[in-house]
Amino acid sequence: MGTRKRYWMMKTEPETFSIDDLARVGTEPWNGVRNYQARNFMRDGMQLGDGVMIYHSNCKVPGIAGLATVASRAYPDPTQFDPQSDYFDPASSRENPRWQLVDVAFERKLRRLIPLEEVKRHADALGEGFPLTARGNRLSVFPVTAAQWKLLLSLE
């Protein structure tokens, strides 16, 4: 029996790494995630072929910019071991790595950015507690239901 495809939202700051950057490189290790819940979603929830919405955050017009696919199983984030990296974690060791990542493969750029303000207008339909519209939510990686995925894509 085949497993049901899952869907995810992954936030990135476009100045650091945008949907255009992903389009250029094709596949990228989604490194630098330093939140345990986000890490657990990548480590325990993500499966090869899952759908990903790439969300541009911390910019003039935040919003959903494109689609990607989970292209690997979770593996240790190498930046945690690199003292030169902004994401270095001295408490993490190769024997017992603290941080995991997955590779993400570019699928397509949306025909237009779906701004957060527009997403918020559909908060009721997306359901209570949807991380993108929930107050104070800072998660950079979180699950999206099939119904939420469909609704968000319909805004394109």
N, C-alpha and C. Protein backbone atom coordinates (compact mmCIF):
# COMPACT_ATOMS: atom_id res chain seq x y z
N MET A 1 0.86 -1.20 0.00
CA MET A 1 0.00 0.00 0.00
C MET A 1 0.89 1.24 0.00
N GLY A 2 0.65 2.16 -0.92
CA GLY A 2 1.46 3.38 -1.02
C GLY A 2 1.16 4.34 0.10
N THR A 3 2.17 5.08 0.53
CA THR A 3 1.93 6.07 1.59
C THR A 3 1.35 7.33 0.99
N ARG A 4 0.50 7.95 1.74
CA ARG A 4 -0.13 9.20 1.29
C ARG A 4 0.91 10.31 1.26
N LYS A 5 0.87 11.10 0.20
CA LYS A 5 1.79 12.23 0.10
C LYS A 5 1.44 13.27 1.16
N ARG A 6 2.48 13.82 1.77
CA ARG A 6 2.30 14.87 2.77
C ARG A 6 2.72 16.20 2.16
N TYR A 7 2.29 17.27 2.84
CA TYR A 7 2.59 18.61 2.36
C TYR A 7 3.17 19.44 3.50
N TRP A 8 4.04 20.39 3.11
CA TRP A 8 4.78 21.18 4.09
C TRP A 8 4.92 22.62 3.62
N MET A 9 5.15 23.49 4.57
CA MET A 9 5.53 24.87 4.28
C MET A 9 6.92 25.05 4.86
N MET A 10 7.82 25.64 4.06
CA MET A 10 9.17 25.92 4.54
C MET A 10 9.47 27.39 4.28
N LYS A 11 9.83 28.09 5.37
CA LYS A 11 10.10 29.52 5.26
C LYS A 11 11.58 29.76 4.97
N THR A 12 11.82 30.80 4.19
CA THR A 12 13.19 31.22 3.92
C THR A 12 13.20 32.73 3.74
N GLU A 13 14.30 33.35 4.07
CA GLU A 13 14.44 34.78 3.82
C GLU A 13 15.03 34.95 2.44
N PRO A 14 14.30 35.62 1.53
CA PRO A 14 14.76 35.68 0.14
C PRO A 14 16.14 36.32 -0.03
N GLU A 15 16.55 37.19 0.91
CA GLU A 15 17.90 37.77 0.81
C GLU A 15 18.95 36.69 1.02
N THR A 16 18.60 35.68 1.81
CA THR A 16 19.52 34.59 2.12
C THR A 16 19.42 33.49 1.07
N PHE A 17 18.18 33.03 0.81
CA PHE A 17 17.96 31.96 -0.16
C PHE A 17 16.52 32.02 -0.65
N SER A 18 16.32 32.39 -1.90
CA SER A 18 14.97 32.60 -2.45
C SER A 18 14.55 31.45 -3.36
N ILE A 19 13.32 31.49 -3.81
CA ILE A 19 12.82 30.50 -4.77
C ILE A 19 13.65 30.58 -6.06
N ASP A 20 14.12 31.78 -6.43
CA ASP A 20 14.96 31.92 -7.62
C ASP A 20 16.31 31.22 -7.42
N ASP A 21 16.83 31.30 -6.19
CA ASP A 21 18.08 30.59 -5.88
C ASP A 21 17.87 29.08 -6.01
N LEU A 22 16.74 28.60 -5.50
CA LEU A 22 16.44 27.18 -5.59
C LEU A 22 16.28 26.76 -7.05
N ALA A 23 15.63 27.61 -7.85
CA ALA A 23 15.47 27.31 -9.28
C ALA A 23 16.85 27.19 -9.94
N ARG A 24 17.76 28.05 -9.54
CA ARG A 24 19.10 28.07 -10.14
C ARG A 24 19.91 26.83 -9.77
N VAL A 25 19.85 26.41 -8.49
CA VAL A 25 20.67 25.27 -8.06
C VAL A 25 19.97 23.92 -8.24
N GLY A 26 18.64 23.94 -8.34
CA GLY A 26 17.89 22.70 -8.55
C GLY A 26 17.52 21.99 -7.27
N THR A 27 18.53 21.59 -6.49
CA THR A 27 18.31 20.91 -5.22
C THR A 27 19.24 21.51 -4.19
N GLU A 28 18.72 21.70 -2.97
CA GLU A 28 19.50 22.36 -1.92
C GLU A 28 19.25 21.69 -0.57
N PRO A 29 20.32 21.47 0.23
CA PRO A 29 20.11 21.01 1.60
C PRO A 29 19.47 22.15 2.41
N TRP A 30 18.36 21.88 3.08
CA TRP A 30 17.63 22.92 3.82
C TRP A 30 18.28 23.06 5.20
N ASN A 31 19.45 23.72 5.24
CA ASN A 31 20.23 23.76 6.47
C ASN A 31 19.88 24.96 7.34
N GLY A 32 20.42 24.94 8.54
CA GLY A 32 20.28 26.08 9.45
C GLY A 32 19.02 26.10 10.29
N VAL A 33 18.19 25.07 10.20
CA VAL A 33 16.99 25.04 11.04
C VAL A 33 17.42 24.72 12.47
N ARG A 34 17.11 25.63 13.40
CA ARG A 34 17.53 25.45 14.79
C ARG A 34 16.34 25.57 15.73
N ASN A 35 15.28 24.89 15.38
CA ASN A 35 14.09 24.82 16.21
C ASN A 35 13.74 23.33 16.30
N TYR A 36 13.55 22.83 17.51
CA TYR A 36 13.36 21.39 17.67
C TYR A 36 12.11 20.87 16.98
N GLN A 37 11.01 21.63 17.06
CA GLN A 37 9.77 21.17 16.43
C GLN A 37 9.93 21.11 14.90
N ALA A 38 10.56 22.15 14.32
CA ALA A 38 10.80 22.17 12.87
C ALA A 38 11.72 21.01 12.49
N ARG A 39 12.77 20.80 13.30
CA ARG A 39 13.68 19.68 13.04
C ARG A 39 12.93 18.35 13.07
N ASN A 40 12.05 18.18 14.05
CA ASN A 40 11.30 16.93 14.18
C ASN A 40 10.40 16.70 12.97
N PHE A 41 9.81 17.77 12.43
CA PHE A 41 9.00 17.61 11.22
C PHE A 41 9.86 17.08 10.08
N MET A 42 11.08 17.63 9.93
CA MET A 42 11.97 17.18 8.86
C MET A 42 12.44 15.74 9.13
N ARG A 43 12.82 15.48 10.37
CA ARG A 43 13.40 14.18 10.73
C ARG A 43 12.36 13.06 10.73
N ASP A 44 11.18 13.34 11.32
CA ASP A 44 10.21 12.28 11.57
C ASP A 44 9.03 12.28 10.61
N GLY A 45 8.75 13.44 10.00
CA GLY A 45 7.54 13.54 9.19
C GLY A 45 7.76 13.53 7.69
N MET A 46 8.83 14.16 7.24
CA MET A 46 9.01 14.33 5.79
C MET A 46 9.44 13.03 5.13
N GLN A 47 8.84 12.81 3.95
CA GLN A 47 9.17 11.64 3.16
C GLN A 47 9.51 12.08 1.74
N LEU A 48 10.30 11.26 1.06
CA LEU A 48 10.67 11.55 -0.32
C LEU A 48 9.42 11.82 -1.15
N GLY A 49 9.44 12.89 -1.93
CA GLY A 49 8.33 13.20 -2.81
C GLY A 49 7.25 14.07 -2.20
N ASP A 50 7.33 14.35 -0.90
CA ASP A 50 6.35 15.23 -0.27
C ASP A 50 6.38 16.61 -0.94
N GLY A 51 5.25 17.26 -0.98
CA GLY A 51 5.15 18.60 -1.55
C GLY A 51 5.56 19.67 -0.55
N VAL A 52 6.23 20.71 -1.05
CA VAL A 52 6.69 21.80 -0.20
C VAL A 52 6.29 23.14 -0.82
N MET A 53 5.70 24.02 -0.02
CA MET A 53 5.50 25.40 -0.44
C MET A 53 6.66 26.21 0.13
N ILE A 54 7.31 26.98 -0.72
CA ILE A 54 8.41 27.84 -0.29
C ILE A 54 7.83 29.21 0.02
N TYR A 55 8.02 29.63 1.27
CA TYR A 55 7.46 30.89 1.76
C TYR A 55 8.58 31.88 2.01
N HIS A 56 8.48 33.06 1.40
CA HIS A 56 9.46 34.13 1.64
C HIS A 56 9.04 34.91 2.87
N SER A 57 9.91 34.95 3.88
CA SER A 57 9.60 35.66 5.12
C SER A 57 10.62 36.77 5.35
N ASN A 58 10.29 37.62 6.32
CA ASN A 58 11.22 38.68 6.72
C ASN A 58 11.64 39.54 5.55
N CYS A 59 10.67 39.92 4.72
CA CYS A 59 10.96 40.74 3.55
C CYS A 59 9.80 41.72 3.36
N LYS A 60 9.90 42.60 2.38
CA LYS A 60 8.91 43.65 2.18
C LYS A 60 7.50 43.06 2.00
N VAL A 61 7.38 42.08 1.09
CA VAL A 61 6.08 41.42 0.89
C VAL A 61 6.24 39.92 1.13
N PRO A 62 6.02 39.47 2.38
CA PRO A 62 6.13 38.04 2.64
C PRO A 62 5.01 37.28 1.96
N GLY A 63 5.31 36.06 1.51
CA GLY A 63 4.27 35.26 0.87
C GLY A 63 4.81 33.97 0.29
N ILE A 64 3.88 33.19 -0.25
CA ILE A 64 4.22 31.90 -0.85
C ILE A 64 4.75 32.16 -2.26
N ALA A 65 5.98 31.70 -2.52
CA ALA A 65 6.68 32.06 -3.76
C ALA A 65 6.78 30.91 -4.75
N GLY A 66 6.75 29.68 -4.28
CA GLY A 66 6.94 28.57 -5.21
C GLY A 66 6.74 27.22 -4.56
N LEU A 67 6.95 26.19 -5.39
CA LEU A 67 6.75 24.81 -4.95
C LEU A 67 8.04 24.02 -5.12
N ALA A 68 8.21 23.08 -4.21
CA ALA A 68 9.38 22.20 -4.25
C ALA A 68 8.94 20.82 -3.78
N THR A 69 9.91 19.90 -3.79
CA THR A 69 9.66 18.52 -3.38
C THR A 69 10.75 18.10 -2.41
N VAL A 70 10.37 17.30 -1.41
CA VAL A 70 11.36 16.73 -0.51
C VAL A 70 12.16 15.71 -1.32
N ALA A 71 13.49 15.91 -1.39
CA ALA A 71 14.33 15.13 -2.30
C ALA A 71 15.30 14.19 -1.58
N SER A 72 15.21 14.10 -0.24
CA SER A 72 16.05 13.16 0.50
C SER A 72 15.38 12.84 1.82
N ARG A 73 15.83 11.78 2.43
CA ARG A 73 15.46 11.52 3.82
C ARG A 73 16.29 12.46 4.68
N ALA A 74 15.90 12.63 5.94
CA ALA A 74 16.63 13.50 6.84
C ALA A 74 18.02 12.94 7.11
N TYR A 75 18.99 13.85 7.23
CA TYR A 75 20.36 13.48 7.59
C TYR A 75 20.98 14.64 8.37
N PRO A 76 22.09 14.41 9.08
CA PRO A 76 22.65 15.47 9.92
C PRO A 76 23.04 16.72 9.11
N ASP A 77 22.66 17.87 9.64
CA ASP A 77 23.00 19.16 9.03
C ASP A 77 24.49 19.41 9.27
N PRO A 78 25.30 19.44 8.19
CA PRO A 78 26.75 19.60 8.38
C PRO A 78 27.14 20.96 8.97
N THR A 79 26.29 21.98 8.86
CA THR A 79 26.65 23.30 9.38
C THR A 79 26.80 23.29 10.90
N GLN A 80 26.16 22.33 11.58
CA GLN A 80 26.24 22.27 13.05
C GLN A 80 27.65 21.94 13.53
N PHE A 81 28.46 21.31 12.66
CA PHE A 81 29.82 20.90 13.04
C PHE A 81 30.88 21.91 12.62
N ASP A 82 30.49 22.94 11.87
CA ASP A 82 31.45 23.89 11.28
C ASP A 82 31.57 25.15 12.13
N PRO A 83 32.70 25.32 12.83
CA PRO A 83 32.87 26.50 13.70
C PRO A 83 32.78 27.83 12.92
N GLN A 84 32.97 27.79 11.60
CA GLN A 84 32.89 29.01 10.78
C GLN A 84 31.44 29.35 10.40
N SER A 85 30.53 28.41 10.63
CA SER A 85 29.14 28.60 10.21
C SER A 85 28.33 29.37 11.25
N ASP A 86 27.39 30.18 10.77
CA ASP A 86 26.44 30.86 11.66
C ASP A 86 25.59 29.84 12.42
N TYR A 87 25.51 28.62 11.88
CA TYR A 87 24.65 27.59 12.45
C TYR A 87 25.42 26.57 13.28
N PHE A 88 26.69 26.87 13.59
CA PHE A 88 27.52 25.99 14.40
C PHE A 88 26.87 25.75 15.76
N ASP A 89 26.90 24.50 16.21
CA ASP A 89 26.36 24.15 17.53
C ASP A 89 27.42 23.35 18.27
N PRO A 90 28.14 24.00 19.20
CA PRO A 90 29.22 23.32 19.91
C PRO A 90 28.74 22.13 20.74
N ALA A 91 27.46 22.07 21.07
CA ALA A 91 26.92 20.96 21.86
C ALA A 91 26.59 19.74 21.01
N SER A 92 26.70 19.88 19.70
CA SER A 92 26.37 18.78 18.80
C SER A 92 27.65 18.06 18.37
N SER A 93 27.57 16.75 18.27
CA SER A 93 28.73 15.97 17.82
C SER A 93 28.33 15.08 16.65
N ARG A 94 29.32 14.64 15.89
CA ARG A 94 29.03 13.73 14.77
C ARG A 94 28.45 12.41 15.27
N GLU A 95 28.83 12.00 16.48
CA GLU A 95 28.31 10.75 17.06
C GLU A 95 26.86 10.94 17.49
N ASN A 96 26.54 12.16 17.91
CA ASN A 96 25.19 12.44 18.41
C ASN A 96 24.74 13.80 17.86
N PRO A 97 24.46 13.85 16.55
CA PRO A 97 24.08 15.14 15.94
C PRO A 97 22.73 15.61 16.45
N ARG A 98 22.63 16.89 16.69
CA ARG A 98 21.41 17.47 17.23
C ARG A 98 20.45 17.91 16.12
N TRP A 99 21.01 18.34 14.97
CA TRP A 99 20.20 18.97 13.92
C TRP A 99 20.19 18.15 12.64
N GLN A 100 19.01 18.04 12.06
CA GLN A 100 18.79 17.27 10.84
C GLN A 100 18.29 18.20 9.74
N LEU A 101 18.45 17.77 8.50
CA LEU A 101 17.89 18.53 7.38
C LEU A 101 17.45 17.56 6.30
N VAL A 102 16.70 18.08 5.33
CA VAL A 102 16.38 17.31 4.12
C VAL A 102 16.82 18.14 2.93
N ASP A 103 17.03 17.48 1.80
CA ASP A 103 17.26 18.19 0.56
C ASP A 103 15.90 18.54 -0.04
N VAL A 104 15.85 19.72 -0.66
CA VAL A 104 14.62 20.21 -1.27
C VAL A 104 14.90 20.48 -2.75
N ALA A 105 14.03 19.96 -3.62
CA ALA A 105 14.21 20.11 -5.07
C ALA A 105 13.18 21.09 -5.63
N PHE A 106 13.63 22.01 -6.47
CA PHE A 106 12.77 22.99 -7.11
C PHE A 106 11.73 22.29 -7.97
N GLU A 107 10.48 22.74 -7.87
CA GLU A 107 9.42 22.25 -8.75
C GLU A 107 9.02 23.37 -9.71
N ARG A 108 8.50 24.47 -9.13
CA ARG A 108 8.16 25.61 -9.98
C ARG A 108 7.96 26.86 -9.14
N LYS A 109 8.15 27.99 -9.79
CA LYS A 109 7.85 29.27 -9.17
C LYS A 109 6.36 29.52 -9.42
N LEU A 110 5.65 30.07 -8.45
CA LEU A 110 4.23 30.37 -8.67
C LEU A 110 4.12 31.49 -9.70
N ARG A 111 3.00 31.54 -10.39
CA ARG A 111 2.78 32.60 -11.39
C ARG A 111 2.83 33.98 -10.76
N ARG A 112 2.48 34.02 -9.47
CA ARG A 112 2.59 35.26 -8.70
C ARG A 112 2.80 34.89 -7.25
N LEU A 113 3.45 35.79 -6.52
CA LEU A 113 3.61 35.60 -5.08
C LEU A 113 2.23 35.70 -4.44
N ILE A 114 1.91 34.77 -3.55
CA ILE A 114 0.66 34.85 -2.79
C ILE A 114 1.00 35.52 -1.46
N PRO A 115 0.68 36.82 -1.33
CA PRO A 115 1.10 37.55 -0.13
C PRO A 115 0.43 37.05 1.14
N LEU A 116 1.14 37.16 2.26
CA LEU A 116 0.61 36.76 3.55
C LEU A 116 -0.74 37.43 3.82
N GLU A 117 -0.85 38.72 3.47
CA GLU A 117 -2.11 39.44 3.72
C GLU A 117 -3.28 38.73 3.05
N GLU A 118 -3.06 38.20 1.86
CA GLU A 118 -4.12 37.48 1.14
C GLU A 118 -4.40 36.14 1.82
N VAL A 119 -3.36 35.45 2.26
CA VAL A 119 -3.52 34.19 2.97
C VAL A 119 -4.36 34.41 4.23
N LYS A 120 -4.09 35.52 4.93
CA LYS A 120 -4.81 35.82 6.17
C LYS A 120 -6.31 35.99 5.94
N ARG A 121 -6.70 36.45 4.76
CA ARG A 121 -8.12 36.62 4.46
C ARG A 121 -8.84 35.27 4.40
N HIS A 122 -8.08 34.20 4.31
CA HIS A 122 -8.66 32.85 4.24
C HIS A 122 -8.39 32.06 5.52
N ALA A 123 -8.07 32.77 6.60
CA ALA A 123 -7.70 32.12 7.87
C ALA A 123 -8.79 31.17 8.36
N ASP A 124 -10.06 31.57 8.23
CA ASP A 124 -11.15 30.71 8.70
C ASP A 124 -11.15 29.39 7.95
N ALA A 125 -11.02 29.46 6.62
CA ALA A 125 -11.04 28.25 5.79
C ALA A 125 -9.80 27.39 6.05
N LEU A 126 -8.68 28.03 6.37
CA LEU A 126 -7.44 27.29 6.63
C LEU A 126 -7.48 26.59 7.99
N GLY A 127 -8.33 27.07 8.86
CA GLY A 127 -8.51 26.43 10.16
C GLY A 127 -7.75 27.11 11.27
N GLU A 128 -8.28 26.98 12.46
CA GLU A 128 -7.67 27.59 13.64
C GLU A 128 -6.29 26.98 13.87
N GLY A 129 -5.35 27.82 14.20
CA GLY A 129 -4.02 27.32 14.51
C GLY A 129 -3.14 27.05 13.30
N PHE A 130 -3.59 27.41 12.08
CA PHE A 130 -2.71 27.25 10.92
C PHE A 130 -1.48 28.13 11.16
N PRO A 131 -0.28 27.54 11.19
CA PRO A 131 0.90 28.28 11.64
C PRO A 131 1.18 29.61 10.90
N LEU A 132 0.81 29.70 9.65
CA LEU A 132 1.10 30.93 8.91
C LEU A 132 0.23 32.09 9.38
N THR A 133 -0.98 31.79 9.83
CA THR A 133 -1.90 32.84 10.25
C THR A 133 -2.06 32.92 11.76
N ALA A 134 -1.48 31.96 12.48
CA ALA A 134 -1.57 31.97 13.95
C ALA A 134 -0.66 33.05 14.52
N ARG A 135 -1.16 33.78 15.48
CA ARG A 135 -0.36 34.85 16.11
C ARG A 135 0.87 34.29 16.80
N GLY A 136 2.00 34.99 16.59
CA GLY A 136 3.21 34.65 17.32
C GLY A 136 3.89 33.37 16.88
N ASN A 137 3.45 32.77 15.78
CA ASN A 137 4.10 31.53 15.35
C ASN A 137 5.38 31.83 14.61
N ARG A 138 6.46 31.19 15.01
CA ARG A 138 7.77 31.43 14.40
C ARG A 138 8.32 30.19 13.72
N LEU A 139 7.51 29.14 13.57
CA LEU A 139 8.01 27.91 12.99
C LEU A 139 8.42 28.12 11.53
N SER A 140 9.60 27.59 11.18
CA SER A 140 10.10 27.74 9.81
C SER A 140 9.73 26.55 8.93
N VAL A 141 9.31 25.47 9.55
CA VAL A 141 8.90 24.26 8.82
C VAL A 141 7.67 23.72 9.53
N PHE A 142 6.58 23.51 8.78
CA PHE A 142 5.39 22.95 9.42
C PHE A 142 4.51 22.25 8.40
N PRO A 143 3.67 21.31 8.87
CA PRO A 143 2.81 20.56 7.96
C PRO A 143 1.64 21.40 7.44
N VAL A 144 1.20 21.05 6.25
CA VAL A 144 0.04 21.66 5.60
C VAL A 144 -0.86 20.49 5.21
N THR A 145 -2.15 20.57 5.51
CA THR A 145 -3.05 19.49 5.12
C THR A 145 -3.30 19.54 3.61
N ALA A 146 -3.80 18.45 3.06
CA ALA A 146 -4.13 18.41 1.64
C ALA A 146 -5.15 19.50 1.30
N ALA A 147 -6.13 19.72 2.19
CA ALA A 147 -7.16 20.74 1.96
C ALA A 147 -6.55 22.15 1.99
N GLN A 148 -5.64 22.40 2.94
CA GLN A 148 -4.98 23.70 3.01
C GLN A 148 -4.11 23.93 1.77
N TRP A 149 -3.40 22.90 1.35
CA TRP A 149 -2.55 22.95 0.15
C TRP A 149 -3.39 23.37 -1.06
N LYS A 150 -4.51 22.69 -1.23
CA LYS A 150 -5.41 22.94 -2.35
C LYS A 150 -5.93 24.39 -2.33
N LEU A 151 -6.37 24.83 -1.15
CA LEU A 151 -6.89 26.18 -0.98
C LEU A 151 -5.80 27.21 -1.32
N LEU A 152 -4.62 27.03 -0.75
CA LEU A 152 -3.52 27.99 -0.98
C LEU A 152 -3.14 28.04 -2.46
N LEU A 153 -3.07 26.87 -3.11
CA LEU A 153 -2.74 26.86 -4.54
C LEU A 153 -3.82 27.51 -5.39
N SER A 154 -5.07 27.42 -4.93
CA SER A 154 -6.18 28.03 -5.68
C SER A 154 -6.05 29.56 -5.71
N LEU A 155 -5.29 30.14 -4.77
CA LEU A 155 -5.11 31.60 -4.72
C LEU A 155 -4.18 32.09 -5.83
N GLU A 156 -3.38 31.17 -6.37
CA GLU A 156 -2.43 31.53 -7.41
C GLU A 156 -3.16 32.12 -8.61
